[in-house]
Amino acid sequence: MHQNTEGGRAPTPRELQVLNLICEGHSTKQIAAELGISFKTAACHRMRLMDKAGVHDPISLFRWALRNGYVSIEGLRPSTVAQRGERG
C-alpha cells in the first residue's frame, strides 16, 4: 500500500520511476540515460525523494521505499552494473 510521507507529500509518478531505478542500483547518470532526462534533472528527482523520505543515503531510501510499498523485492530487476559489480 502506498502511503504519504510524514509531510503528506507522496512521490510524483516521475519520482516513482526514479525511485524504482535507484532501488535497482542505477546511478544518477544511468537514470538520466534510461529516462531521457538530464543528469541535473535526475539528481533533482533523487534529492526530492530523499527529502520526502527524510533520509540522506540510497540504502535508507530503499528501506523507506520498501516500508511504504513503493517498491517490492519481487518487482526489482538488477542493473547490469550491479550484476557486474561495478560502481557508477
PDB file of N, CA and C in Angstrom:
ATOM      1  N   MET A   1       0.839  -1.168   0.000  1.00  0.00           N
ATOM      2  CA  MET A   1       0.000   0.000   0.000  1.00  0.00           C
ATOM      3  C   MET A   1       0.892   1.243   0.000  1.00  0.00           C
ATOM      4  N   HIS A   2       0.560   2.193  -0.855  1.00  0.00           N
ATOM      5  CA  HIS A   2       1.319   3.435  -0.937  1.00  0.00           C
ATOM      6  C   HIS A   2       0.807   4.400   0.122  1.00  0.00           C
ATOM      7  N   GLN A   3       1.719   4.927   0.902  1.00  0.00           N
ATOM      8  CA  GLN A   3       1.366   5.875   1.945  1.00  0.00           C
ATOM      9  C   GLN A   3       2.068   7.191   1.671  1.00  0.00           C
ATOM     10  N   ASN A   4       1.443   8.271   2.102  1.00  0.00           N
ATOM     11  CA  ASN A   4       2.113   9.562   2.027  1.00  0.00           C
ATOM     12  C   ASN A   4       3.209   9.615   3.068  1.00  0.00           C
ATOM     13  N   THR A   5       4.185  10.449   2.832  1.00  0.00           N
ATOM     14  CA  THR A   5       5.246  10.646   3.809  1.00  0.00           C
ATOM     15  C   THR A   5       4.710  11.485   4.954  1.00  0.00           C
ATOM     16  N   GLU A   6       5.527  11.705   5.969  1.00  0.00           N
ATOM     17  CA  GLU A   6       5.090  12.462   7.146  1.00  0.00           C
ATOM     18  C   GLU A   6       4.522  13.814   6.777  1.00  0.00           C
ATOM     19  N   GLY A   7       5.129  14.480   5.815  1.00  0.00           N
ATOM     20  CA  GLY A   7       4.643  15.784   5.398  1.00  0.00           C
ATOM     21  C   GLY A   7       3.463  15.713   4.450  1.00  0.00           C
ATOM     22  N   GLY A   8       2.993  14.522   4.126  1.00  0.00           N
ATOM     23  CA  GLY A   8       1.867  14.352   3.237  1.00  0.00           C
ATOM     24  C   GLY A   8       2.222  14.447   1.767  1.00  0.00           C
ATOM     25  N   ARG A   9       3.515  14.465   1.465  1.00  0.00           N
ATOM     26  CA  ARG A   9       3.946  14.599   0.065  1.00  0.00           C
ATOM     27  C   ARG A   9       4.380  13.235  -0.461  1.00  0.00           C
ATOM     28  N   ALA A  10       3.523  12.629  -1.221  1.00  0.00           N
ATOM     29  CA  ALA A  10       3.859  11.351  -1.847  1.00  0.00           C
ATOM     30  C   ALA A  10       4.697  11.623  -3.104  1.00  0.00           C
ATOM     31  N   PRO A  11       5.524  10.673  -3.503  1.00  0.00           N
ATOM     32  CA  PRO A  11       6.311  10.853  -4.735  1.00  0.00           C
ATOM     33  C   PRO A  11       5.410  11.021  -5.957  1.00  0.00           C
ATOM     34  N   THR A  12       5.867  11.849  -6.885  1.00  0.00           N
ATOM     35  CA  THR A  12       5.167  12.027  -8.159  1.00  0.00           C
ATOM     36  C   THR A  12       5.379  10.775  -9.011  1.00  0.00           C
ATOM     37  N   PRO A  13       4.607  10.604 -10.077  1.00  0.00           N
ATOM     38  CA  PRO A  13       4.829   9.452 -10.961  1.00  0.00           C
ATOM     39  C   PRO A  13       6.273   9.383 -11.489  1.00  0.00           C
ATOM     40  N   ARG A  14       6.859  10.508 -11.867  1.00  0.00           N
ATOM     41  CA  ARG A  14       8.235  10.508 -12.365  1.00  0.00           C
ATOM     42  C   ARG A  14       9.205  10.131 -11.240  1.00  0.00           C
ATOM     43  N   GLU A  15       8.960  10.665 -10.041  1.00  0.00           N
ATOM     44  CA  GLU A  15       9.809  10.305  -8.908  1.00  0.00           C
ATOM     45  C   GLU A  15       9.724   8.813  -8.612  1.00  0.00           C
ATOM     46  N   LEU A  16       8.555   8.218  -8.800  1.00  0.00           N
ATOM     47  CA  LEU A  16       8.424   6.774  -8.593  1.00  0.00           C
ATOM     48  C   LEU A  16       9.262   5.996  -9.605  1.00  0.00           C
ATOM     49  N   GLN A  17       9.329   6.494 -10.853  1.00  0.00           N
ATOM     50  CA  GLN A  17      10.202   5.859 -11.843  1.00  0.00           C
ATOM     51  C   GLN A  17      11.656   5.941 -11.393  1.00  0.00           C
ATOM     52  N   VAL A  18      12.056   7.115 -10.936  1.00  0.00           N
ATOM     53  CA  VAL A  18      13.429   7.319 -10.462  1.00  0.00           C
ATOM     54  C   VAL A  18      13.694   6.450  -9.241  1.00  0.00           C
ATOM     55  N   LEU A  19      12.745   6.399  -8.318  1.00  0.00           N
ATOM     56  CA  LEU A  19      12.895   5.593  -7.109  1.00  0.00           C
ATOM     57  C   LEU A  19      13.114   4.125  -7.458  1.00  0.00           C
ATOM     58  N   ASN A  20      12.342   3.615  -8.385  1.00  0.00           N
ATOM     59  CA  ASN A  20      12.495   2.223  -8.788  1.00  0.00           C
ATOM     60  C   ASN A  20      13.901   1.969  -9.345  1.00  0.00           C
ATOM     61  N   LEU A  21      14.389   2.884 -10.161  1.00  0.00           N
ATOM     62  CA  LEU A  21      15.722   2.720 -10.736  1.00  0.00           C
ATOM     63  C   LEU A  21      16.811   2.836  -9.667  1.00  0.00           C
ATOM     64  N   ILE A  22      16.639   3.729  -8.710  1.00  0.00           N
ATOM     65  CA  ILE A  22      17.591   3.826  -7.598  1.00  0.00           C
ATOM     66  C   ILE A  22      17.625   2.506  -6.842  1.00  0.00           C
ATOM     67  N   CYS A  23      16.451   1.964  -6.564  1.00  0.00           N
ATOM     68  CA  CYS A  23      16.360   0.716  -5.811  1.00  0.00           C
ATOM     69  C   CYS A  23      16.933  -0.464  -6.582  1.00  0.00           C
ATOM     70  N   GLU A  24      16.982  -0.357  -7.889  1.00  0.00           N
ATOM     71  CA  GLU A  24      17.595  -1.401  -8.713  1.00  0.00           C
ATOM     72  C   GLU A  24      19.107  -1.248  -8.792  1.00  0.00           C
ATOM     73  N   GLY A  25      19.642  -0.168  -8.233  1.00  0.00           N
ATOM     74  CA  GLY A  25      21.082   0.029  -8.193  1.00  0.00           C
ATOM     75  C   GLY A  25      21.649   0.909  -9.284  1.00  0.00           C
ATOM     76  N   HIS A  26      20.793   1.631  -9.987  1.00  0.00           N
ATOM     77  CA  HIS A  26      21.262   2.512 -11.051  1.00  0.00           C
ATOM     78  C   HIS A  26      21.852   3.807 -10.489  1.00  0.00           C
ATOM     79  N   SER A  27      22.876   4.298 -11.139  1.00  0.00           N
ATOM     80  CA  SER A  27      23.465   5.586 -10.769  1.00  0.00           C
ATOM     81  C   SER A  27      22.600   6.711 -11.333  1.00  0.00           C
ATOM     82  N   THR A  28      22.856   7.922 -10.871  1.00  0.00           N
ATOM     83  CA  THR A  28      22.123   9.079 -11.387  1.00  0.00           C
ATOM     84  C   THR A  28      22.337   9.224 -12.890  1.00  0.00           C
ATOM     85  N   LYS A  29      23.552   8.992 -13.338  1.00  0.00           N
ATOM     86  CA  LYS A  29      23.861   9.070 -14.772  1.00  0.00           C
ATOM     87  C   LYS A  29      23.057   8.033 -15.563  1.00  0.00           C
ATOM     88  N   GLN A  30      22.968   6.820 -15.044  1.00  0.00           N
ATOM     89  CA  GLN A  30      22.193   5.767 -15.707  1.00  0.00           C
ATOM     90  C   GLN A  30      20.705   6.098 -15.707  1.00  0.00           C
ATOM     91  N   ILE A  31      20.216   6.647 -14.610  1.00  0.00           N
ATOM     92  CA  ILE A  31      18.799   7.025 -14.524  1.00  0.00           C
ATOM     93  C   ILE A  31      18.479   8.079 -15.579  1.00  0.00           C
ATOM     94  N   ALA A  32      19.346   9.064 -15.707  1.00  0.00           N
ATOM     95  CA  ALA A  32      19.144  10.115 -16.708  1.00  0.00           C
ATOM     96  C   ALA A  32      19.067   9.507 -18.111  1.00  0.00           C
ATOM     97  N   ALA A  33      19.990   8.607 -18.430  1.00  0.00           N
ATOM     98  CA  ALA A  33      20.001   7.977 -19.754  1.00  0.00           C
ATOM     99  C   ALA A  33      18.755   7.119 -19.968  1.00  0.00           C
ATOM    100  N   GLU A  34      18.384   6.343 -18.968  1.00  0.00           N
ATOM    101  CA  GLU A  34      17.221   5.450 -19.067  1.00  0.00           C
ATOM    102  C   GLU A  34      15.926   6.221 -19.306  1.00  0.00           C
ATOM    103  N   LEU A  35      15.787   7.366 -18.626  1.00  0.00           N
ATOM    104  CA  LEU A  35      14.545   8.141 -18.714  1.00  0.00           C
ATOM    105  C   LEU A  35      14.593   9.263 -19.744  1.00  0.00           C
ATOM    106  N   GLY A  36      15.752   9.468 -20.364  1.00  0.00           N
ATOM    107  CA  GLY A  36      15.875  10.514 -21.375  1.00  0.00           C
ATOM    108  C   GLY A  36      15.801  11.910 -20.784  1.00  0.00           C
ATOM    109  N   ILE A  37      16.370  12.082 -19.590  1.00  0.00           N
ATOM    110  CA  ILE A  37      16.383  13.379 -18.929  1.00  0.00           C
ATOM    111  C   ILE A  37      17.835  13.764 -18.654  1.00  0.00           C
ATOM    112  N   SER A  38      18.062  15.010 -18.282  1.00  0.00           N
ATOM    113  CA  SER A  38      19.422  15.438 -17.992  1.00  0.00           C
ATOM    114  C   SER A  38      19.886  14.873 -16.657  1.00  0.00           C
ATOM    115  N   PHE A  39      21.192  14.832 -16.489  1.00  0.00           N
ATOM    116  CA  PHE A  39      21.775  14.392 -15.232  1.00  0.00           C
ATOM    117  C   PHE A  39      21.268  15.267 -14.089  1.00  0.00           C
ATOM    118  N   LYS A  40      21.223  16.573 -14.320  1.00  0.00           N
ATOM    119  CA  LYS A  40      20.791  17.512 -13.295  1.00  0.00           C
ATOM    120  C   LYS A  40      19.340  17.253 -12.876  1.00  0.00           C
ATOM    121  N   THR A  41      18.476  16.941 -13.839  1.00  0.00           N
ATOM    122  CA  THR A  41      17.077  16.636 -13.532  1.00  0.00           C
ATOM    123  C   THR A  41      16.979  15.346 -12.734  1.00  0.00           C
ATOM    124  N   ALA A  42      17.739  14.332 -13.128  1.00  0.00           N
ATOM    125  CA  ALA A  42      17.740  13.065 -12.387  1.00  0.00           C
ATOM    126  C   ALA A  42      18.234  13.281 -10.961  1.00  0.00           C
ATOM    127  N   ALA A  43      19.277  14.087 -10.802  1.00  0.00           N
ATOM    128  CA  ALA A  43      19.810  14.384  -9.467  1.00  0.00           C
ATOM    129  C   ALA A  43      18.776  15.133  -8.626  1.00  0.00           C
ATOM    130  N   CYS A  44      18.026  16.022  -9.260  1.00  0.00           N
ATOM    131  CA  CYS A  44      16.987  16.779  -8.561  1.00  0.00           C
ATOM    132  C   CYS A  44      15.876  15.831  -8.073  1.00  0.00           C
ATOM    133  N   HIS A  45      15.467  14.898  -8.924  1.00  0.00           N
ATOM    134  CA  HIS A  45      14.456  13.911  -8.518  1.00  0.00           C
ATOM    135  C   HIS A  45      14.963  13.092  -7.334  1.00  0.00           C
ATOM    136  N   ARG A  46      16.227  12.669  -7.393  1.00  0.00           N
ATOM    137  CA  ARG A  46      16.822  11.888  -6.306  1.00  0.00           C
ATOM    138  C   ARG A  46      16.813  12.709  -5.004  1.00  0.00           C
ATOM    139  N   MET A  47      17.198  13.971  -5.098  1.00  0.00           N
ATOM    140  CA  MET A  47      17.245  14.841  -3.925  1.00  0.00           C
ATOM    141  C   MET A  47      15.841  15.044  -3.333  1.00  0.00           C
ATOM    142  N   ARG A  48      14.860  15.250  -4.185  1.00  0.00           N
ATOM    143  CA  ARG A  48      13.486  15.435  -3.700  1.00  0.00           C
ATOM    144  C   ARG A  48      12.960  14.175  -3.021  1.00  0.00           C
ATOM    145  N   LEU A  49      13.289  13.009  -3.593  1.00  0.00           N
ATOM    146  CA  LEU A  49      12.872  11.749  -2.980  1.00  0.00           C
ATOM    147  C   LEU A  49      13.484  11.591  -1.589  1.00  0.00           C
ATOM    148  N   MET A  50      14.765  11.893  -1.480  1.00  0.00           N
ATOM    149  CA  MET A  50      15.429  11.763  -0.180  1.00  0.00           C
ATOM    150  C   MET A  50      14.837  12.755   0.821  1.00  0.00           C
ATOM    151  N   ASP A  51      14.486  13.933   0.352  1.00  0.00           N
ATOM    152  CA  ASP A  51      13.848  14.924   1.220  1.00  0.00           C
ATOM    153  C   ASP A  51      12.485  14.427   1.694  1.00  0.00           C
ATOM    154  N   LYS A  52      11.684  13.898   0.770  1.00  0.00           N
ATOM    155  CA  LYS A  52      10.366  13.379   1.130  1.00  0.00           C
ATOM    156  C   LYS A  52      10.473  12.210   2.100  1.00  0.00           C
ATOM    157  N   ALA A  53      11.512  11.398   1.931  1.00  0.00           N
ATOM    158  CA  ALA A  53      11.707  10.236   2.790  1.00  0.00           C
ATOM    159  C   ALA A  53      12.390  10.608   4.104  1.00  0.00           C
ATOM    160  N   GLY A  54      13.004  11.778   4.141  1.00  0.00           N
ATOM    161  CA  GLY A  54      13.728  12.197   5.337  1.00  0.00           C
ATOM    162  C   GLY A  54      15.003  11.406   5.555  1.00  0.00           C
ATOM    163  N   VAL A  55      15.671  11.032   4.447  1.00  0.00           N
ATOM    164  CA  VAL A  55      16.896  10.233   4.529  1.00  0.00           C
ATOM    165  C   VAL A  55      18.015  10.919   3.755  1.00  0.00           C
ATOM    166  N   HIS A  56      19.237  10.407   3.937  1.00  0.00           N
ATOM    167  CA  HIS A  56      20.395  11.038   3.315  1.00  0.00           C
ATOM    168  C   HIS A  56      21.262  10.082   2.507  1.00  0.00           C
ATOM    169  N   ASP A  57      20.819   8.833   2.329  1.00  0.00           N
ATOM    170  CA  ASP A  57      21.615   7.882   1.561  1.00  0.00           C
ATOM    171  C   ASP A  57      20.690   6.904   0.840  1.00  0.00           C
ATOM    172  N   PRO A  58      21.192   6.310  -0.256  1.00  0.00           N
ATOM    173  CA  PRO A  58      20.344   5.425  -1.061  1.00  0.00           C
ATOM    174  C   PRO A  58      19.844   4.183  -0.322  1.00  0.00           C
ATOM    175  N   ILE A  59      20.617   3.639   0.604  1.00  0.00           N
ATOM    176  CA  ILE A  59      20.169   2.453   1.339  1.00  0.00           C
ATOM    177  C   ILE A  59      18.957   2.788   2.204  1.00  0.00           C
ATOM    178  N   SER A  60      19.007   3.917   2.880  1.00  0.00           N
ATOM    179  CA  SER A  60      17.863   4.350   3.690  1.00  0.00           C
ATOM    180  C   SER A  60      16.654   4.651   2.805  1.00  0.00           C
ATOM    181  N   LEU A  61      16.902   5.199   1.622  1.00  0.00           N
ATOM    182  CA  LEU A  61      15.816   5.464   0.677  1.00  0.00           C
ATOM    183  C   LEU A  61      15.182   4.152   0.234  1.00  0.00           C
ATOM    184  N   PHE A  62      15.998   3.151  -0.020  1.00  0.00           N
ATOM    185  CA  PHE A  62      15.498   1.822  -0.400  1.00  0.00           C
ATOM    186  C   PHE A  62      14.624   1.245   0.711  1.00  0.00           C
ATOM    187  N   ARG A  63      15.093   1.317   1.957  1.00  0.00           N
ATOM    188  CA  ARG A  63      14.309   0.796   3.086  1.00  0.00           C
ATOM    189  C   ARG A  63      12.989   1.542   3.209  1.00  0.00           C
ATOM    190  N   TRP A  64      13.012   2.873   3.031  1.00  0.00           N
ATOM    191  CA  TRP A  64      11.798   3.681   3.091  1.00  0.00           C
ATOM    192  C   TRP A  64      10.813   3.254   1.994  1.00  0.00           C
ATOM    193  N   ALA A  65      11.355   3.041   0.791  1.00  0.00           N
ATOM    194  CA  ALA A  65      10.501   2.637  -0.340  1.00  0.00           C
ATOM    195  C   ALA A  65       9.850   1.280  -0.080  1.00  0.00           C
ATOM    196  N   LEU A  66      10.601   0.349   0.484  1.00  0.00           N
ATOM    197  CA  LEU A  66      10.040  -0.973   0.820  1.00  0.00           C
ATOM    198  C   LEU A  66       8.964  -0.843   1.898  1.00  0.00           C
ATOM    199  N   ARG A  67       9.285  -0.124   2.963  1.00  0.00           N
ATOM    200  CA  ARG A  67       8.344   0.040   4.090  1.00  0.00           C
ATOM    201  C   ARG A  67       7.031   0.679   3.658  1.00  0.00           C
ATOM    202  N   ASN A  68       7.105   1.599   2.719  1.00  0.00           N
ATOM    203  CA  ASN A  68       5.915   2.329   2.297  1.00  0.00           C
ATOM    204  C   ASN A  68       5.235   1.748   1.065  1.00  0.00           C
ATOM    205  N   GLY A  69       5.730   0.624   0.581  1.00  0.00           N
ATOM    206  CA  GLY A  69       5.067  -0.064  -0.526  1.00  0.00           C
ATOM    207  C   GLY A  69       5.314   0.529  -1.899  1.00  0.00           C
ATOM    208  N   TYR A  70       6.326   1.377  -2.033  1.00  0.00           N
ATOM    209  CA  TYR A  70       6.621   1.968  -3.339  1.00  0.00           C
ATOM    210  C   TYR A  70       7.382   1.006  -4.244  1.00  0.00           C
ATOM    211  N   VAL A  71       8.110   0.074  -3.654  1.00  0.00           N
ATOM    212  CA  VAL A  71       8.800  -0.973  -4.409  1.00  0.00           C
ATOM    213  C   VAL A  71       8.652  -2.285  -3.656  1.00  0.00           C
ATOM    214  N   SER A  72       8.825  -3.375  -4.379  1.00  0.00           N
ATOM    215  CA  SER A  72       8.857  -4.689  -3.752  1.00  0.00           C
ATOM    216  C   SER A  72      10.088  -5.418  -4.271  1.00  0.00           C
ATOM    217  N   ILE A  73      10.615  -6.303  -3.475  1.00  0.00           N
ATOM    218  CA  ILE A  73      11.789  -7.070  -3.875  1.00  0.00           C
ATOM    219  C   ILE A  73      11.505  -7.815  -5.180  1.00  0.00           C
ATOM    220  N   GLU A  74      10.316  -8.387  -5.285  1.00  0.00           N
ATOM    221  CA  GLU A  74       9.956  -9.175  -6.460  1.00  0.00           C
ATOM    222  C   GLU A  74       9.886  -8.319  -7.728  1.00  0.00           C
ATOM    223  N   GLY A  75       9.563  -7.047  -7.582  1.00  0.00           N
ATOM    224  CA  GLY A  75       9.393  -6.177  -8.737  1.00  0.00           C
ATOM    225  C   GLY A  75      10.674  -5.543  -9.247  1.00  0.00           C
ATOM    226  N   LEU A  76      11.774  -5.729  -8.538  1.00  0.00           N
ATOM    227  CA  LEU A  76      13.022  -5.090  -8.933  1.00  0.00           C
ATOM    228  C   LEU A  76      13.797  -5.962  -9.906  1.00  0.00           C
ATOM    229  N   ARG A  77      14.438  -5.314 -10.847  1.00  0.00           N
ATOM    230  CA  ARG A  77      15.342  -6.009 -11.762  1.00  0.00           C
ATOM    231  C   ARG A  77      16.735  -5.444 -11.524  1.00  0.00           C
ATOM    232  N   PRO A  78      17.728  -6.290 -11.347  1.00  0.00           N
ATOM    233  CA  PRO A  78      19.072  -5.772 -11.072  1.00  0.00           C
ATOM    234  C   PRO A  78      19.636  -5.039 -12.276  1.00  0.00           C
ATOM    235  N   SER A  79      20.366  -3.951 -12.005  1.00  0.00           N
ATOM    236  CA  SER A  79      21.004  -3.227 -13.100  1.00  0.00           C
ATOM    237  C   SER A  79      22.175  -4.035 -13.606  1.00  0.00           C
ATOM    238  N   THR A  80      22.557  -3.824 -14.850  1.00  0.00           N
ATOM    239  CA  THR A  80      23.692  -4.551 -15.397  1.00  0.00           C
ATOM    240  C   THR A  80      24.978  -4.167 -14.694  1.00  0.00           C
ATOM    241  N   VAL A  81      25.078  -2.946 -14.225  1.00  0.00           N
ATOM    242  CA  VAL A  81      26.258  -2.529 -13.477  1.00  0.00           C
ATOM    243  C   VAL A  81      26.333  -3.291 -12.168  1.00  0.00           C
ATOM    244  N   ALA A  82      25.206  -3.391 -11.460  1.00  0.00           N
ATOM    245  CA  ALA A  82      25.175  -4.117 -10.194  1.00  0.00           C
ATOM    246  C   ALA A  82      25.522  -5.587 -10.409  1.00  0.00           C
ATOM    247  N   GLN A  83      25.073  -6.150 -11.515  1.00  0.00           N
ATOM    248  CA  GLN A  83      25.364  -7.553 -11.809  1.00  0.00           C
ATOM    249  C   GLN A  83      26.852  -7.764 -12.044  1.00  0.00           C
ATOM    250  N   ARG A  84      27.517  -6.775 -12.649  1.00  0.00           N
ATOM    251  CA  ARG A  84      28.941  -6.896 -12.943  1.00  0.00           C
ATOM    252  C   ARG A  84      29.803  -6.482 -11.761  1.00  0.00           C
ATOM    253  N   GLY A  85      29.191  -5.891 -10.755  1.00  0.00           N
ATOM    254  CA  GLY A  85      29.927  -5.468  -9.569  1.00  0.00           C
ATOM    255  C   GLY A  85      30.659  -4.150  -9.751  1.00  0.00           C
ATOM    256  N   GLU A  86      30.250  -3.346 -10.737  1.00  0.00           N
ATOM    257  CA  GLU A  86      30.877  -2.053 -10.980  1.00  0.00           C
ATOM    258  C   GLU A  86      30.153  -0.965 -10.209  1.00  0.00           C
ATOM    259  N   ARG A  87      30.793   0.141 -10.048  1.00  0.00           N
ATOM    260  CA  ARG A  87      30.200   1.315  -9.416  1.00  0.00           C
ATOM    261  C   ARG A  87      29.970   2.383 -10.472  1.00  0.00           C
ATOM    262  N   GLY A  88      28.862   3.138 -10.361  1.00  0.00           N
ATOM    263  CA  GLY A  88      28.591   4.181 -11.344  1.00  0.00           C
ATOM    264  C   GLY A  88      28.437   5.441 -10.709  1.00  0.00           C
TER     265      GLY A  88
END
